[in-house]
Amino acid sequence: MQLTSTTDEAIQILCLLAGSAQLMNADSVSRELGVPVPYVRKIMCGLKRSQLVDSRMGANGGYVLARSPEDITMLDVVSATETTFNVGRGKRQTNDSLPYLRALDRAYQTLQESVEEYMDSVSIQDILDGNV
C-alpha cells in the first residue's frame, strides 16, 4: 500500500487552508506549497466534489474548508483522492490445499481495518497541532 502524491498534497492543502484566516486561490496555494497551479486545481476539484472544500467565485474568490479542521480526517482525504486503498490483494479464489491463504487474507483484513481506524481518528486539526 502506498498513498499517492495527490493524497499527500491534498492533506497539505487542507492544513494550509485550515491555518489561513482568509480564502486562498490556486495561485497562492501553489506558491505556498511549491505545487503547479494546474495540479492544485485538479486536487481542489476532487476535494470540492467530496465536500471537503468550498470555492467562492469573483475577484476575491478562492477556496475555504467546507467543514472545521476537527471534522476532516485523513480517511476523508484518502477517500477523496485514492481510487483504491487496499492493504491486501483484494478478492482471491480460495484454494483448500493452501489453508494459509485464509490466514493471510485475515491478516490483511485486520491490517486494513487498523489503518482505516487510525486514519479516521486523525483530523486535520490533529496534524496542525502536532498530535499524531
Protein backbone atom coordinates (compact mmCIF):
# COMPACT_ATOMS: atom_id res chain seq x y z
CA MET A 1 0.00 0.00 0.00
CA GLN A 2 1.30 3.38 -0.93
CA LEU A 3 -0.55 6.67 -0.90
CA THR A 4 -0.25 8.82 -3.99
CA SER A 5 1.39 12.22 -4.02
CA THR A 6 -2.09 13.61 -4.69
CA THR A 7 -3.21 12.46 -1.23
CA ASP A 8 -0.14 13.98 0.40
CA GLU A 9 -0.66 17.27 -1.43
CA ALA A 10 -4.38 17.26 -0.58
CA ILE A 11 -3.61 16.88 3.13
CA GLN A 12 -1.07 19.71 2.88
CA ILE A 13 -3.62 21.90 1.09
CA LEU A 14 -6.26 21.24 3.75
CA CYS A 15 -3.76 22.06 6.51
CA LEU A 16 -2.82 25.27 4.68
CA LEU A 17 -6.48 26.28 4.32
CA ALA A 18 -7.16 25.40 7.96
CA GLY A 19 -4.29 27.60 9.10
CA SER A 20 -5.29 30.51 6.88
CA ALA A 21 -7.64 33.18 8.12
CA GLN A 22 -8.75 34.01 4.59
CA LEU A 23 -9.75 32.49 1.28
CA MET A 24 -6.83 31.17 -0.74
CA ASN A 25 -6.82 30.96 -4.52
CA ALA A 26 -4.97 28.31 -6.50
CA ASP A 27 -2.08 30.68 -7.21
CA SER A 28 -1.44 31.38 -3.53
CA VAL A 29 -1.70 27.69 -2.62
CA SER A 30 0.70 26.88 -5.44
CA ARG A 31 3.24 29.44 -4.19
CA GLU A 32 3.00 28.28 -0.58
CA LEU A 33 3.39 24.57 -1.33
CA GLY A 34 5.53 24.72 -4.46
CA VAL A 35 2.95 22.74 -6.43
CA PRO A 36 1.98 23.68 -10.01
CA VAL A 37 -1.30 25.62 -10.28
CA PRO A 38 -2.99 23.09 -12.60
CA TYR A 39 -2.25 20.31 -10.09
CA VAL A 40 -3.65 22.42 -7.25
CA ARG A 41 -6.83 22.98 -9.26
CA LYS A 42 -7.13 19.26 -10.00
CA ILE A 43 -6.78 18.39 -6.31
CA MET A 44 -9.22 21.15 -5.31
CA CYS A 45 -11.77 19.77 -7.75
CA GLY A 46 -11.65 16.38 -6.02
CA LEU A 47 -11.76 17.94 -2.56
CA LYS A 48 -14.71 20.08 -3.58
CA ARG A 49 -16.52 17.08 -5.07
CA SER A 50 -16.02 15.29 -1.73
CA GLN A 51 -17.32 18.35 0.12
CA LEU A 52 -14.07 18.97 1.98
CA VAL A 53 -13.58 22.44 0.47
CA ASP A 54 -15.86 25.13 -0.89
CA SER A 55 -14.99 27.62 -3.55
CA ARG A 56 -16.01 31.23 -3.84
CA MET A 57 -16.16 32.96 -7.21
CA GLY A 58 -15.28 36.52 -8.10
CA ALA A 59 -12.37 38.88 -7.75
CA ASN A 60 -11.88 37.94 -4.10
CA GLY A 61 -12.68 34.28 -4.65
CA GLY A 62 -10.76 31.26 -3.58
CA TYR A 63 -11.01 28.11 -1.54
CA VAL A 64 -12.02 27.55 2.06
CA LEU A 65 -12.63 24.46 4.17
CA ALA A 66 -16.19 23.18 3.92
CA ARG A 67 -16.02 21.74 7.45
CA SER A 68 -14.00 22.51 10.51
CA PRO A 69 -10.48 21.02 10.63
CA GLU A 70 -11.58 18.90 13.59
CA ASP A 71 -14.22 17.25 11.38
CA ILE A 72 -11.98 16.36 8.44
CA THR A 73 -9.99 13.16 8.89
CA MET A 74 -7.14 11.65 6.95
CA LEU A 75 -9.54 8.90 5.91
CA ASP A 76 -11.84 11.55 4.40
CA VAL A 77 -8.93 12.78 2.30
CA VAL A 78 -7.86 9.28 1.28
CA SER A 79 -11.44 8.52 0.26
CA ALA A 80 -11.47 11.69 -1.85
CA THR A 81 -8.14 11.13 -3.58
CA GLU A 82 -7.37 7.42 -3.84
CA THR A 83 -9.16 5.13 -6.26
CA THR A 84 -8.29 2.10 -4.17
CA PHE A 85 -6.97 1.80 -0.68
CA ASN A 86 -6.31 -1.86 -0.04
CA VAL A 87 -3.62 -3.42 2.09
CA GLY A 88 -4.17 -6.93 0.74
CA ARG A 89 -4.54 -8.36 -2.71
CA GLY A 90 -8.30 -7.99 -2.73
CA LYS A 91 -10.59 -10.89 -3.57
CA ARG A 92 -8.82 -14.14 -4.27
CA GLN A 93 -10.17 -17.55 -5.08
CA THR A 94 -9.80 -19.86 -2.09
CA ASN A 95 -7.61 -22.89 -2.54
CA ASP A 96 -8.36 -25.51 0.12
CA SER A 97 -4.98 -27.14 -0.44
CA LEU A 98 -3.33 -23.89 0.74
CA PRO A 99 -5.03 -23.12 4.08
CA TYR A 100 -2.50 -20.44 4.96
CA LEU A 101 -4.10 -18.20 2.34
CA ARG A 102 -7.19 -17.75 4.52
CA ALA A 103 -4.98 -16.77 7.45
CA LEU A 104 -3.04 -14.38 5.24
CA ASP A 105 -6.28 -12.79 3.99
CA ARG A 106 -7.47 -12.38 7.61
CA ALA A 107 -4.15 -10.72 8.50
CA TYR A 108 -4.53 -8.33 5.56
CA GLN A 109 -8.12 -7.57 6.57
CA THR A 110 -7.08 -6.85 10.17
CA LEU A 111 -4.29 -4.57 8.96
CA GLN A 112 -6.71 -2.78 6.60
CA GLU A 113 -9.18 -2.19 9.42
CA SER A 114 -6.42 -0.92 11.73
CA VAL A 115 -5.10 1.52 9.14
CA GLU A 116 -8.58 2.81 8.34
CA GLU A 117 -9.43 3.17 12.03
CA TYR A 118 -6.23 5.12 12.68
CA MET A 119 -6.72 7.39 9.67
CA ASP A 120 -10.30 8.03 10.72
CA SER A 121 -9.07 9.08 14.16
CA VAL A 122 -6.56 11.68 12.88
CA SER A 123 -8.05 15.02 11.92
CA ILE A 124 -6.54 17.92 10.03
CA GLN A 125 -6.56 19.80 13.36
CA ASP A 126 -4.57 16.97 14.98
CA ILE A 127 -1.95 17.34 12.25
CA LEU A 128 -1.81 21.12 12.71
CA ASP A 129 -1.45 20.68 16.49
CA GLY A 130 1.23 18.00 16.09
CA ASN A 131 -0.95 15.46 17.92
CA VAL A 132 -0.14 12.49 15.69
